[in-house]
Amino acid sequence: MKTFLPAIFASTALGALALTTLNTASAEDAAKESADKSVVVLDSKSFDAQIANGKGVALVDFWATWCGPCIALAPTIEEIAKDYDGKVVVGKIDVDKVKDVTGKYKIKAMPTLIIFKDGKEVDRIVGGLPKKAIVAKLDAALAK
């Protein structure tokens, strides 16, 4: 559920509390969705095993629970995971929990999507792009 608060309300203490509550609920919903579908929630060890030392193409979404654009992008990432099931590993990294990987790849803004092929970064998307643009980059990585 998307809720928009007027900017003047959001700048107040009560507005900030409301935004925090909305973002926390949305992040929890997004995490539950990921657990039920084909998006892999990655930590340092699983990132190394499945992405850095993995074979094939992977898409990793670097996100944060407090990041509105990240939450908005989550359904698109879920759709891509379903569409590319068996062809691409799709994973999510919470930048506040997996700081070593976040630092290694110099993640400065969220959302950041990195496409890997055989453990090496081949493309990077910073900010939200439409599904069509993300898929075009994935298809290019698969074709290489």
C-alpha atoms as a PDB file:
ATOM      1  CA  MET A   1       0.000   0.000   0.000  1.00  0.00           C
ATOM      2  CA  LYS A   2       1.440   3.329  -1.058  1.00  0.00           C
ATOM      3  CA  THR A   3       0.715   6.321   1.118  1.00  0.00           C
ATOM      4  CA  PHE A   4       1.809   9.824   0.269  1.00  0.00           C
ATOM      5  CA  LEU A   5       2.049  12.505   2.915  1.00  0.00           C
ATOM      6  CA  PRO A   6       2.112  16.208   2.066  1.00  0.00           C
ATOM      7  CA  ALA A   7       5.645  17.608   2.279  1.00  0.00           C
ATOM      8  CA  ILE A   8       4.725  20.034   5.044  1.00  0.00           C
ATOM      9  CA  PHE A   9       3.364  17.183   7.188  1.00  0.00           C
ATOM     10  CA  ALA A  10       6.396  15.008   6.467  1.00  0.00           C
ATOM     11  CA  SER A  11       8.688  17.766   7.744  1.00  0.00           C
ATOM     12  CA  THR A  12       7.074  17.751  11.205  1.00  0.00           C
ATOM     13  CA  ALA A  13       8.022  15.412  14.051  1.00  0.00           C
ATOM     14  CA  LEU A  14       4.657  13.653  13.773  1.00  0.00           C
ATOM     15  CA  GLY A  15       5.140  13.336  10.015  1.00  0.00           C
ATOM     16  CA  ALA A  16       8.594  11.860  10.503  1.00  0.00           C
ATOM     17  CA  LEU A  17       7.146   9.319  12.930  1.00  0.00           C
ATOM     18  CA  ALA A  18       4.404   8.453  10.424  1.00  0.00           C
ATOM     19  CA  LEU A  19       6.952   8.029   7.612  1.00  0.00           C
ATOM     20  CA  THR A  20       9.125   5.824   9.809  1.00  0.00           C
ATOM     21  CA  THR A  21       6.135   3.663  10.661  1.00  0.00           C
ATOM     22  CA  LEU A  22       5.086   3.427   6.998  1.00  0.00           C
ATOM     23  CA  ASN A  23       8.610   2.601   5.822  1.00  0.00           C
ATOM     24  CA  THR A  24       9.074  -0.046   8.524  1.00  0.00           C
ATOM     25  CA  ALA A  25       5.789  -1.733   7.635  1.00  0.00           C
ATOM     26  CA  SER A  26       6.643  -1.607   3.926  1.00  0.00           C
ATOM     27  CA  ALA A  27      10.127  -3.009   4.526  1.00  0.00           C
ATOM     28  CA  GLU A  28       8.708  -5.846   6.613  1.00  0.00           C
ATOM     29  CA  ASP A  29       6.185  -6.615   3.859  1.00  0.00           C
ATOM     30  CA  ALA A  30       8.964  -6.576   1.254  1.00  0.00           C
ATOM     31  CA  ALA A  31      11.102  -8.945   3.343  1.00  0.00           C
ATOM     32  CA  LYS A  32       8.176 -11.356   3.766  1.00  0.00           C
ATOM     33  CA  GLU A  33       7.537 -11.289   0.017  1.00  0.00           C
ATOM     34  CA  SER A  34      11.200 -12.052  -0.687  1.00  0.00           C
ATOM     35  CA  ALA A  35      11.134 -14.994   1.693  1.00  0.00           C
ATOM     36  CA  ASP A  36       8.153 -16.473  -0.143  1.00  0.00           C
ATOM     37  CA  LYS A  37       9.503 -16.087  -3.689  1.00  0.00           C
ATOM     38  CA  SER A  38      12.634 -16.589  -5.733  1.00  0.00           C
ATOM     39  CA  VAL A  39      14.612 -13.554  -4.512  1.00  0.00           C
ATOM     40  CA  VAL A  40      17.530 -14.657  -2.349  1.00  0.00           C
ATOM     41  CA  VAL A  41      18.201 -12.592   0.782  1.00  0.00           C
ATOM     42  CA  LEU A  42      21.990 -12.397   0.871  1.00  0.00           C
ATOM     43  CA  ASP A  43      24.480 -11.985   3.697  1.00  0.00           C
ATOM     44  CA  SER A  44      28.288 -11.915   3.397  1.00  0.00           C
ATOM     45  CA  LYS A  45      28.721 -15.692   3.208  1.00  0.00           C
ATOM     46  CA  SER A  46      25.861 -16.357   0.797  1.00  0.00           C
ATOM     47  CA  PHE A  47      26.965 -13.431  -1.384  1.00  0.00           C
ATOM     48  CA  ASP A  48      30.440 -14.944  -1.669  1.00  0.00           C
ATOM     49  CA  ALA A  49      29.093 -18.427  -2.374  1.00  0.00           C
ATOM     50  CA  GLN A  50      26.310 -17.553  -4.794  1.00  0.00           C
ATOM     51  CA  ILE A  51      27.454 -14.317  -6.438  1.00  0.00           C
ATOM     52  CA  ALA A  52      31.185 -13.528  -6.060  1.00  0.00           C
ATOM     53  CA  ASN A  53      32.259 -17.150  -6.594  1.00  0.00           C
ATOM     54  CA  GLY A  54      29.206 -18.150  -8.619  1.00  0.00           C
ATOM     55  CA  LYS A  55      28.807 -18.957 -12.287  1.00  0.00           C
ATOM     56  CA  GLY A  56      26.333 -17.310 -14.613  1.00  0.00           C
ATOM     57  CA  VAL A  57      24.430 -14.046 -14.324  1.00  0.00           C
ATOM     58  CA  ALA A  58      23.171 -12.535 -11.082  1.00  0.00           C
ATOM     59  CA  LEU A  59      21.250  -9.372 -10.236  1.00  0.00           C
ATOM     60  CA  VAL A  60      21.812  -7.977  -6.746  1.00  0.00           C
ATOM     61  CA  ASP A  61      19.580  -5.271  -5.296  1.00  0.00           C
ATOM     62  CA  PHE A  62      21.361  -3.188  -2.642  1.00  0.00           C
ATOM     63  CA  TRP A  63      18.538  -1.684  -0.594  1.00  0.00           C
ATOM     64  CA  ALA A  64      17.601  -0.317   2.830  1.00  0.00           C
ATOM     65  CA  THR A  65      14.477  -0.625   4.954  1.00  0.00           C
ATOM     66  CA  TRP A  66      14.221   3.175   5.227  1.00  0.00           C
ATOM     67  CA  CYS A  67      14.631   3.790   1.468  1.00  0.00           C
ATOM     68  CA  GLY A  68      11.323   4.678  -0.184  1.00  0.00           C
ATOM     69  CA  PRO A  69      12.547   4.135  -3.776  1.00  0.00           C
ATOM     70  CA  CYS A  70      13.933   0.727  -2.705  1.00  0.00           C
ATOM     71  CA  ILE A  71      10.542  -0.308  -1.372  1.00  0.00           C
ATOM     72  CA  ALA A  72       8.880   0.953  -4.565  1.00  0.00           C
ATOM     73  CA  LEU A  73      11.309  -1.093  -6.691  1.00  0.00           C
ATOM     74  CA  ALA A  74      10.789  -4.332  -4.711  1.00  0.00           C
ATOM     75  CA  PRO A  75       7.777  -5.596  -6.747  1.00  0.00           C
ATOM     76  CA  THR A  76       9.751  -5.097  -9.974  1.00  0.00           C
ATOM     77  CA  ILE A  77      12.664  -7.117  -8.561  1.00  0.00           C
ATOM     78  CA  GLU A  78      10.185  -9.861  -7.572  1.00  0.00           C
ATOM     79  CA  GLU A  79       8.757  -9.934 -11.116  1.00  0.00           C
ATOM     80  CA  ILE A  80      12.228 -10.141 -12.645  1.00  0.00           C
ATOM     81  CA  ALA A  81      13.113 -13.004 -10.287  1.00  0.00           C
ATOM     82  CA  LYS A  82      10.042 -14.920 -11.449  1.00  0.00           C
ATOM     83  CA  ASP A  83      10.607 -14.115 -15.135  1.00  0.00           C
ATOM     84  CA  TYR A  84      14.282 -15.146 -15.024  1.00  0.00           C
ATOM     85  CA  ASP A  85      13.946 -18.089 -12.647  1.00  0.00           C
ATOM     86  CA  GLY A  86      16.583 -20.659 -13.601  1.00  0.00           C
ATOM     87  CA  LYS A  87      18.489 -18.159 -15.786  1.00  0.00           C
ATOM     88  CA  VAL A  88      19.550 -15.444 -13.320  1.00  0.00           C
ATOM     89  CA  VAL A  89      20.143 -15.469  -9.577  1.00  0.00           C
ATOM     90  CA  VAL A  90      18.270 -12.500  -8.110  1.00  0.00           C
ATOM     91  CA  GLY A  91      19.329 -11.391  -4.644  1.00  0.00           C
ATOM     92  CA  LYS A  92      18.856  -8.572  -2.158  1.00  0.00           C
ATOM     93  CA  ILE A  93      21.369  -7.115   0.261  1.00  0.00           C
ATOM     94  CA  ASP A  94      20.256  -4.873   3.124  1.00  0.00           C
ATOM     95  CA  VAL A  95      23.015  -2.243   3.153  1.00  0.00           C
ATOM     96  CA  ASP A  96      22.611  -1.658   6.882  1.00  0.00           C
ATOM     97  CA  LYS A  97      23.160  -5.328   7.724  1.00  0.00           C
ATOM     98  CA  VAL A  98      25.786  -6.416   5.182  1.00  0.00           C
ATOM     99  CA  LYS A  99      28.214  -3.535   5.402  1.00  0.00           C
ATOM    100  CA  ASP A 100      31.307  -5.398   4.216  1.00  0.00           C
ATOM    101  CA  VAL A 101      29.810  -6.233   0.800  1.00  0.00           C
ATOM    102  CA  THR A 102      28.212  -2.775   0.583  1.00  0.00           C
ATOM    103  CA  GLY A 103      31.610  -1.177   1.225  1.00  0.00           C
ATOM    104  CA  LYS A 104      33.471  -3.455  -1.171  1.00  0.00           C
ATOM    105  CA  TYR A 105      31.203  -2.395  -4.041  1.00  0.00           C
ATOM    106  CA  LYS A 106      31.194   1.262  -2.934  1.00  0.00           C
ATOM    107  CA  ILE A 107      27.428   1.552  -2.658  1.00  0.00           C
ATOM    108  CA  LYS A 108      26.726   5.250  -2.098  1.00  0.00           C
ATOM    109  CA  ALA A 109      23.051   5.523  -3.094  1.00  0.00           C
ATOM    110  CA  MET A 110      20.019   3.276  -2.976  1.00  0.00           C
ATOM    111  CA  PRO A 111      18.622   1.505  -4.710  1.00  0.00           C
ATOM    112  CA  THR A 112      21.692   0.231  -6.528  1.00  0.00           C
ATOM    113  CA  LEU A 113      21.391  -2.835  -8.729  1.00  0.00           C
ATOM    114  CA  ILE A 114      24.550  -4.633  -9.792  1.00  0.00           C
ATOM    115  CA  ILE A 115      24.603  -7.246 -12.523  1.00  0.00           C
ATOM    116  CA  PHE A 116      27.325  -9.864 -12.128  1.00  0.00           C
ATOM    117  CA  LYS A 117      28.533 -12.458 -14.603  1.00  0.00           C
ATOM    118  CA  ASP A 118      30.740 -15.256 -13.328  1.00  0.00           C
ATOM    119  CA  GLY A 119      31.407 -13.273 -10.146  1.00  0.00           C
ATOM    120  CA  LYS A 120      32.444 -10.038 -11.855  1.00  0.00           C
ATOM    121  CA  GLU A 121      30.453  -6.823 -12.024  1.00  0.00           C
ATOM    122  CA  VAL A 122      29.342  -6.171 -15.611  1.00  0.00           C
ATOM    123  CA  ASP A 123      26.752  -3.423 -15.111  1.00  0.00           C
ATOM    124  CA  ARG A 124      25.371  -1.115 -12.437  1.00  0.00           C
ATOM    125  CA  ILE A 125      22.096   0.753 -12.129  1.00  0.00           C
ATOM    126  CA  VAL A 126      21.763   3.509  -9.539  1.00  0.00           C
ATOM    127  CA  GLY A 127      18.231   4.645  -8.792  1.00  0.00           C
ATOM    128  CA  GLY A 128      14.947   3.257  -9.931  1.00  0.00           C
ATOM    129  CA  LEU A 129      14.567   2.311 -13.570  1.00  0.00           C
ATOM    130  CA  PRO A 130      11.561   0.734 -15.247  1.00  0.00           C
ATOM    131  CA  LYS A 131      11.494  -3.044 -15.518  1.00  0.00           C
ATOM    132  CA  LYS A 132      12.065  -2.836 -19.282  1.00  0.00           C
ATOM    133  CA  ALA A 133      15.414  -1.048 -18.793  1.00  0.00           C
ATOM    134  CA  ILE A 134      16.608  -3.486 -16.112  1.00  0.00           C
ATOM    135  CA  VAL A 135      15.607  -6.473 -18.233  1.00  0.00           C
ATOM    136  CA  ALA A 136      17.466  -5.042 -21.251  1.00  0.00           C
ATOM    137  CA  LYS A 137      20.663  -4.905 -19.193  1.00  0.00           C
ATOM    138  CA  LEU A 138      20.106  -8.453 -17.896  1.00  0.00           C
ATOM    139  CA  ASP A 139      19.516  -9.721 -21.433  1.00  0.00           C
ATOM    140  CA  ALA A 140      22.761  -8.041 -22.566  1.00  0.00           C
ATOM    141  CA  ALA A 141      24.668  -9.764 -19.749  1.00  0.00           C
ATOM    142  CA  LEU A 142      23.117 -13.128 -20.650  1.00  0.00           C
ATOM    143  CA  ALA A 143      24.080 -12.660 -24.314  1.00  0.00           C
ATOM    144  CA  LYS A 144      27.784 -12.014 -23.538  1.00  0.00           C
END
